[in-house]
Amino acid sequence: MPEVPRPAPPAGGRSGPPAGSGRLQRVDETSAGGLVVDRSGPVARAALIARHDRRGRLVWSLPKGHIEPGETPEDAAVREVEEETGIRGRVLAPLGVIDFWFVADQRRVHKTVHHFLLEACGGELSDEDVEVVEVAWVPLGEVTGVLAYADERRLIAQVDGLLAAHDGDAGPGPTGTAG
């Protein structure tokens, strides 16, 4: 059977099937966030947030949120980390990009999240953000055991090397282990 060409998507930026077709509309979302690290004490630590997932479970993750119009991913990461943790940070390096799909509000959402490594440079840990249930400092060496999502754990695996490269030091990492 010959392949039938598919019509081009309509102009105007809307993606997905027409309303009322019985199929979910596809929506693309882009967010940014990251791991903010405080190395001022004897043990490096990172600020993590806890939220309830779609099933109501409390899950620990990296702070992140939508990129506002005119914002760069780096600017959004700094803003979101501060909004969700109370900690001001400055970007040291990109950690990577995670993209995934989920369904919400009768929409099929393709989400892309840009993650960065940030160094804490002020603020106080707080959970003022209504979306955040809890916020905590976690020793950097324990972060992968606390994070709920495997994709975020994979990003964190490179943090010691990025911090050492940023410091120009290939010696012991911030968790106290050889880098």
C-alpha atoms as a PDB file:
ATOM      1  CA  MET A   1       0.000   0.000   0.000  1.00  0.00           C
ATOM      2  CA  PRO A   2       1.515   3.388  -0.935  1.00  0.00           C
ATOM      3  CA  GLU A   3       2.324   5.786   1.871  1.00  0.00           C
ATOM      4  CA  VAL A   4      -0.105   8.675   2.101  1.00  0.00           C
ATOM      5  CA  PRO A   5       1.585  12.011   2.764  1.00  0.00           C
ATOM      6  CA  ARG A   6       0.551  13.649   6.012  1.00  0.00           C
ATOM      7  CA  PRO A   7      -0.648  17.238   5.950  1.00  0.00           C
ATOM      8  CA  ALA A   8       1.687  19.911   7.268  1.00  0.00           C
ATOM      9  CA  PRO A   9       0.928  21.159  10.769  1.00  0.00           C
ATOM     10  CA  PRO A  10      -1.184  24.310  10.897  1.00  0.00           C
ATOM     11  CA  ALA A  11       0.557  27.673  11.126  1.00  0.00           C
ATOM     12  CA  GLY A  12       0.388  29.483  14.432  1.00  0.00           C
ATOM     13  CA  GLY A  13       2.593  27.308  16.616  1.00  0.00           C
ATOM     14  CA  ARG A  14      -0.053  24.962  17.971  1.00  0.00           C
ATOM     15  CA  SER A  15       1.023  21.348  17.967  1.00  0.00           C
ATOM     16  CA  GLY A  16      -1.073  18.259  18.432  1.00  0.00           C
ATOM     17  CA  PRO A  17      -4.394  17.075  17.081  1.00  0.00           C
ATOM     18  CA  PRO A  18      -7.363  19.383  16.619  1.00  0.00           C
ATOM     19  CA  ALA A  19      -9.693  19.893  19.564  1.00  0.00           C
ATOM     20  CA  GLY A  20     -12.386  17.267  19.793  1.00  0.00           C
ATOM     21  CA  SER A  21     -10.407  14.653  17.865  1.00  0.00           C
ATOM     22  CA  GLY A  22     -10.200  12.340  20.892  1.00  0.00           C
ATOM     23  CA  ARG A  23      -6.406  12.564  20.959  1.00  0.00           C
ATOM     24  CA  LEU A  24      -4.355  14.516  23.461  1.00  0.00           C
ATOM     25  CA  GLN A  25      -2.884  17.838  22.419  1.00  0.00           C
ATOM     26  CA  ARG A  26       0.923  17.889  22.512  1.00  0.00           C
ATOM     27  CA  VAL A  27       2.536  20.731  24.460  1.00  0.00           C
ATOM     28  CA  ASP A  28       6.247  21.555  24.726  1.00  0.00           C
ATOM     29  CA  GLU A  29       7.546  23.017  27.999  1.00  0.00           C
ATOM     30  CA  THR A  30      11.059  24.184  28.857  1.00  0.00           C
ATOM     31  CA  SER A  31      12.380  24.592  32.392  1.00  0.00           C
ATOM     32  CA  ALA A  32      15.673  25.185  34.157  1.00  0.00           C
ATOM     33  CA  GLY A  33      17.138  24.531  37.581  1.00  0.00           C
ATOM     34  CA  GLY A  34      19.987  22.733  39.182  1.00  0.00           C
ATOM     35  CA  LEU A  35      22.104  21.725  42.106  1.00  0.00           C
ATOM     36  CA  VAL A  36      23.193  24.553  44.402  1.00  0.00           C
ATOM     37  CA  VAL A  37      26.222  23.600  46.489  1.00  0.00           C
ATOM     38  CA  ASP A  38      27.537  25.226  49.672  1.00  0.00           C
ATOM     39  CA  ARG A  39      31.206  24.438  50.313  1.00  0.00           C
ATOM     40  CA  SER A  40      31.762  26.946  53.133  1.00  0.00           C
ATOM     41  CA  GLY A  41      31.633  24.346  55.919  1.00  0.00           C
ATOM     42  CA  PRO A  42      33.633  21.225  56.693  1.00  0.00           C
ATOM     43  CA  VAL A  43      31.389  19.077  54.450  1.00  0.00           C
ATOM     44  CA  ALA A  44      29.988  20.261  51.120  1.00  0.00           C
ATOM     45  CA  ARG A  45      26.206  20.209  51.013  1.00  0.00           C
ATOM     46  CA  ALA A  46      23.449  20.731  48.462  1.00  0.00           C
ATOM     47  CA  ALA A  47      19.968  22.219  48.785  1.00  0.00           C
ATOM     48  CA  LEU A  48      17.224  19.816  47.662  1.00  0.00           C
ATOM     49  CA  ILE A  49      13.459  20.242  47.588  1.00  0.00           C
ATOM     50  CA  ALA A  50      10.602  17.848  48.282  1.00  0.00           C
ATOM     51  CA  ARG A  51       7.241  17.980  46.506  1.00  0.00           C
ATOM     52  CA  HIS A  52       4.298  15.663  46.150  1.00  0.00           C
ATOM     53  CA  ASP A  53       4.324  13.833  42.826  1.00  0.00           C
ATOM     54  CA  ARG A  54       1.198  13.121  40.765  1.00  0.00           C
ATOM     55  CA  ARG A  55       0.489  10.082  42.948  1.00  0.00           C
ATOM     56  CA  GLY A  56       0.766  12.092  46.161  1.00  0.00           C
ATOM     57  CA  ARG A  57       4.138  10.676  47.236  1.00  0.00           C
ATOM     58  CA  LEU A  58       6.769  12.974  48.764  1.00  0.00           C
ATOM     59  CA  VAL A  59       9.777  12.970  46.416  1.00  0.00           C
ATOM     60  CA  TRP A  60      13.120  14.778  46.703  1.00  0.00           C
ATOM     61  CA  SER A  61      14.457  16.479  43.601  1.00  0.00           C
ATOM     62  CA  LEU A  62      16.497  19.355  42.236  1.00  0.00           C
ATOM     63  CA  PRO A  63      14.794  22.762  42.234  1.00  0.00           C
ATOM     64  CA  LYS A  64      13.554  23.803  38.799  1.00  0.00           C
ATOM     65  CA  GLY A  65      10.819  25.714  37.020  1.00  0.00           C
ATOM     66  CA  HIS A  66       9.640  27.322  33.812  1.00  0.00           C
ATOM     67  CA  ILE A  67      11.819  29.717  31.869  1.00  0.00           C
ATOM     68  CA  GLU A  68      10.140  33.131  31.693  1.00  0.00           C
ATOM     69  CA  PRO A  69       9.979  35.101  28.407  1.00  0.00           C
ATOM     70  CA  GLY A  70      13.304  36.829  27.732  1.00  0.00           C
ATOM     71  CA  GLU A  71      15.163  34.701  30.294  1.00  0.00           C
ATOM     72  CA  THR A  72      18.143  32.479  29.500  1.00  0.00           C
ATOM     73  CA  PRO A  73      18.182  28.950  30.952  1.00  0.00           C
ATOM     74  CA  GLU A  74      21.022  30.065  33.268  1.00  0.00           C
ATOM     75  CA  ASP A  75      19.019  33.058  34.541  1.00  0.00           C
ATOM     76  CA  ALA A  76      15.952  30.866  35.069  1.00  0.00           C
ATOM     77  CA  ALA A  77      18.015  28.300  37.000  1.00  0.00           C
ATOM     78  CA  VAL A  78      19.353  30.979  39.364  1.00  0.00           C
ATOM     79  CA  ARG A  79      15.857  32.447  39.864  1.00  0.00           C
ATOM     80  CA  GLU A  80      14.127  29.096  40.379  1.00  0.00           C
ATOM     81  CA  VAL A  81      16.761  27.807  42.815  1.00  0.00           C
ATOM     82  CA  GLU A  82      16.347  30.954  44.918  1.00  0.00           C
ATOM     83  CA  GLU A  83      12.530  30.902  44.727  1.00  0.00           C
ATOM     84  CA  GLU A  84      12.315  27.256  45.760  1.00  0.00           C
ATOM     85  CA  THR A  85      15.161  27.038  48.311  1.00  0.00           C
ATOM     86  CA  GLY A  86      15.844  30.600  49.486  1.00  0.00           C
ATOM     87  CA  ILE A  87      19.488  30.210  48.401  1.00  0.00           C
ATOM     88  CA  ARG A  88      21.092  32.620  45.925  1.00  0.00           C
ATOM     89  CA  GLY A  89      23.515  30.905  43.601  1.00  0.00           C
ATOM     90  CA  ARG A  90      25.781  31.585  40.676  1.00  0.00           C
ATOM     91  CA  VAL A  91      26.164  29.189  37.775  1.00  0.00           C
ATOM     92  CA  LEU A  92      29.476  27.314  37.665  1.00  0.00           C
ATOM     93  CA  ALA A  93      28.788  24.835  34.852  1.00  0.00           C
ATOM     94  CA  PRO A  94      26.023  23.098  32.910  1.00  0.00           C
ATOM     95  CA  LEU A  95      25.078  19.661  34.296  1.00  0.00           C
ATOM     96  CA  GLY A  96      23.025  18.525  31.323  1.00  0.00           C
ATOM     97  CA  VAL A  97      19.531  18.399  29.865  1.00  0.00           C
ATOM     98  CA  ILE A  98      16.773  15.954  30.757  1.00  0.00           C
ATOM     99  CA  ASP A  99      13.700  15.563  28.609  1.00  0.00           C
ATOM    100  CA  PHE A 100      10.652  13.446  29.296  1.00  0.00           C
ATOM    101  CA  TRP A 101       6.947  13.031  28.526  1.00  0.00           C
ATOM    102  CA  PHE A 102       3.921  13.029  30.804  1.00  0.00           C
ATOM    103  CA  VAL A 103       0.166  13.531  30.579  1.00  0.00           C
ATOM    104  CA  ALA A 104      -1.571  16.285  32.551  1.00  0.00           C
ATOM    105  CA  ASP A 105      -4.810  18.220  32.118  1.00  0.00           C
ATOM    106  CA  GLN A 106      -5.742  16.286  28.967  1.00  0.00           C
ATOM    107  CA  ARG A 107      -2.421  17.238  27.356  1.00  0.00           C
ATOM    108  CA  ARG A 108       0.610  15.191  26.360  1.00  0.00           C
ATOM    109  CA  VAL A 109       3.546  17.259  27.626  1.00  0.00           C
ATOM    110  CA  HIS A 110       7.106  17.062  26.297  1.00  0.00           C
ATOM    111  CA  LYS A 111       9.266  18.716  28.950  1.00  0.00           C
ATOM    112  CA  THR A 112      12.909  19.745  28.538  1.00  0.00           C
ATOM    113  CA  VAL A 113      14.818  20.741  31.690  1.00  0.00           C
ATOM    114  CA  HIS A 114      18.223  22.461  31.580  1.00  0.00           C
ATOM    115  CA  HIS A 115      20.253  21.708  34.730  1.00  0.00           C
ATOM    116  CA  PHE A 116      23.216  23.672  36.073  1.00  0.00           C
ATOM    117  CA  LEU A 117      25.718  23.383  38.896  1.00  0.00           C
ATOM    118  CA  LEU A 118      25.481  26.478  41.100  1.00  0.00           C
ATOM    119  CA  GLU A 119      27.603  27.720  43.967  1.00  0.00           C
ATOM    120  CA  ALA A 120      25.692  29.114  46.958  1.00  0.00           C
ATOM    121  CA  CYS A 121      26.490  32.787  47.513  1.00  0.00           C
ATOM    122  CA  GLY A 122      23.834  33.941  49.982  1.00  0.00           C
ATOM    123  CA  GLY A 123      20.341  33.559  51.321  1.00  0.00           C
ATOM    124  CA  GLU A 124      18.768  31.349  53.954  1.00  0.00           C
ATOM    125  CA  LEU A 125      17.249  27.919  53.391  1.00  0.00           C
ATOM    126  CA  SER A 126      13.447  28.309  53.288  1.00  0.00           C
ATOM    127  CA  ASP A 127      10.406  26.631  51.759  1.00  0.00           C
ATOM    128  CA  GLU A 128       8.388  29.763  50.993  1.00  0.00           C
ATOM    129  CA  ASP A 129       7.424  28.466  47.512  1.00  0.00           C
ATOM    130  CA  VAL A 130       3.889  27.029  47.578  1.00  0.00           C
ATOM    131  CA  GLU A 131       4.905  24.130  45.308  1.00  0.00           C
ATOM    132  CA  VAL A 132       7.664  23.034  47.706  1.00  0.00           C
ATOM    133  CA  VAL A 133       6.711  20.922  50.729  1.00  0.00           C
ATOM    134  CA  GLU A 134      10.163  20.747  52.296  1.00  0.00           C
ATOM    135  CA  VAL A 135      13.707  21.950  51.621  1.00  0.00           C
ATOM    136  CA  ALA A 136      16.906  20.621  53.183  1.00  0.00           C
ATOM    137  CA  TRP A 137      20.677  20.766  53.068  1.00  0.00           C
ATOM    138  CA  VAL A 138      21.986  17.299  52.213  1.00  0.00           C
ATOM    139  CA  PRO A 139      25.675  16.335  52.419  1.00  0.00           C
ATOM    140  CA  LEU A 140      26.917  16.283  48.826  1.00  0.00           C
ATOM    141  CA  GLY A 141      28.080  12.681  49.146  1.00  0.00           C
ATOM    142  CA  GLU A 142      24.517  11.600  50.064  1.00  0.00           C
ATOM    143  CA  VAL A 143      22.572  13.468  47.365  1.00  0.00           C
ATOM    144  CA  THR A 144      22.324  10.554  44.915  1.00  0.00           C
ATOM    145  CA  GLY A 145      20.807   8.392  47.658  1.00  0.00           C
ATOM    146  CA  VAL A 146      18.127  11.003  48.365  1.00  0.00           C
ATOM    147  CA  LEU A 147      17.067  12.062  44.846  1.00  0.00           C
ATOM    148  CA  ALA A 148      13.945  10.287  43.598  1.00  0.00           C
ATOM    149  CA  TYR A 149      14.664  10.481  39.865  1.00  0.00           C
ATOM    150  CA  ALA A 150      17.342   8.389  38.136  1.00  0.00           C
ATOM    151  CA  ASP A 151      17.957  11.059  35.472  1.00  0.00           C
ATOM    152  CA  GLU A 152      18.843  13.598  38.159  1.00  0.00           C
ATOM    153  CA  ARG A 153      21.072  11.068  39.946  1.00  0.00           C
ATOM    154  CA  ARG A 154      22.995  10.547  36.685  1.00  0.00           C
ATOM    155  CA  LEU A 155      23.597  14.293  36.365  1.00  0.00           C
ATOM    156  CA  ILE A 156      24.910  14.501  39.935  1.00  0.00           C
ATOM    157  CA  ALA A 157      27.541  11.823  39.260  1.00  0.00           C
ATOM    158  CA  GLN A 158      29.704  14.442  37.510  1.00  0.00           C
ATOM    159  CA  VAL A 159      29.581  17.133  40.222  1.00  0.00           C
ATOM    160  CA  ASP A 160      32.868  16.285  41.993  1.00  0.00           C
ATOM    161  CA  GLY A 161      34.759  16.482  38.693  1.00  0.00           C
ATOM    162  CA  LEU A 162      33.080  19.748  37.686  1.00  0.00           C
ATOM    163  CA  LEU A 163      33.864  21.342  41.052  1.00  0.00           C
ATOM    164  CA  ALA A 164      37.490  20.182  40.874  1.00  0.00           C
ATOM    165  CA  ALA A 165      37.815  21.508  37.318  1.00  0.00           C
ATOM    166  CA  HIS A 166      36.260  24.816  38.356  1.00  0.00           C
ATOM    167  CA  ASP A 167      38.708  25.099  41.263  1.00  0.00           C
ATOM    168  CA  GLY A 168      41.634  24.034  39.056  1.00  0.00           C
ATOM    169  CA  ASP A 169      42.281  21.197  41.499  1.00  0.00           C
ATOM    170  CA  ALA A 170      42.362  17.487  40.707  1.00  0.00           C
ATOM    171  CA  GLY A 171      42.837  16.555  44.391  1.00  0.00           C
ATOM    172  CA  PRO A 172      40.230  15.364  46.865  1.00  0.00           C
ATOM    173  CA  GLY A 173      36.663  16.168  45.878  1.00  0.00           C
ATOM    174  CA  PRO A 174      34.267  18.224  48.004  1.00  0.00           C
ATOM    175  CA  THR A 175      32.753  15.084  49.496  1.00  0.00           C
ATOM    176  CA  GLY A 176      36.095  14.225  51.056  1.00  0.00           C
ATOM    177  CA  THR A 177      36.884  11.378  48.676  1.00  0.00           C
ATOM    178  CA  ALA A 178      39.595  11.257  46.069  1.00  0.00           C
ATOM    179  CA  GLY A 179      38.355  12.801  42.805  1.00  0.00           C
END
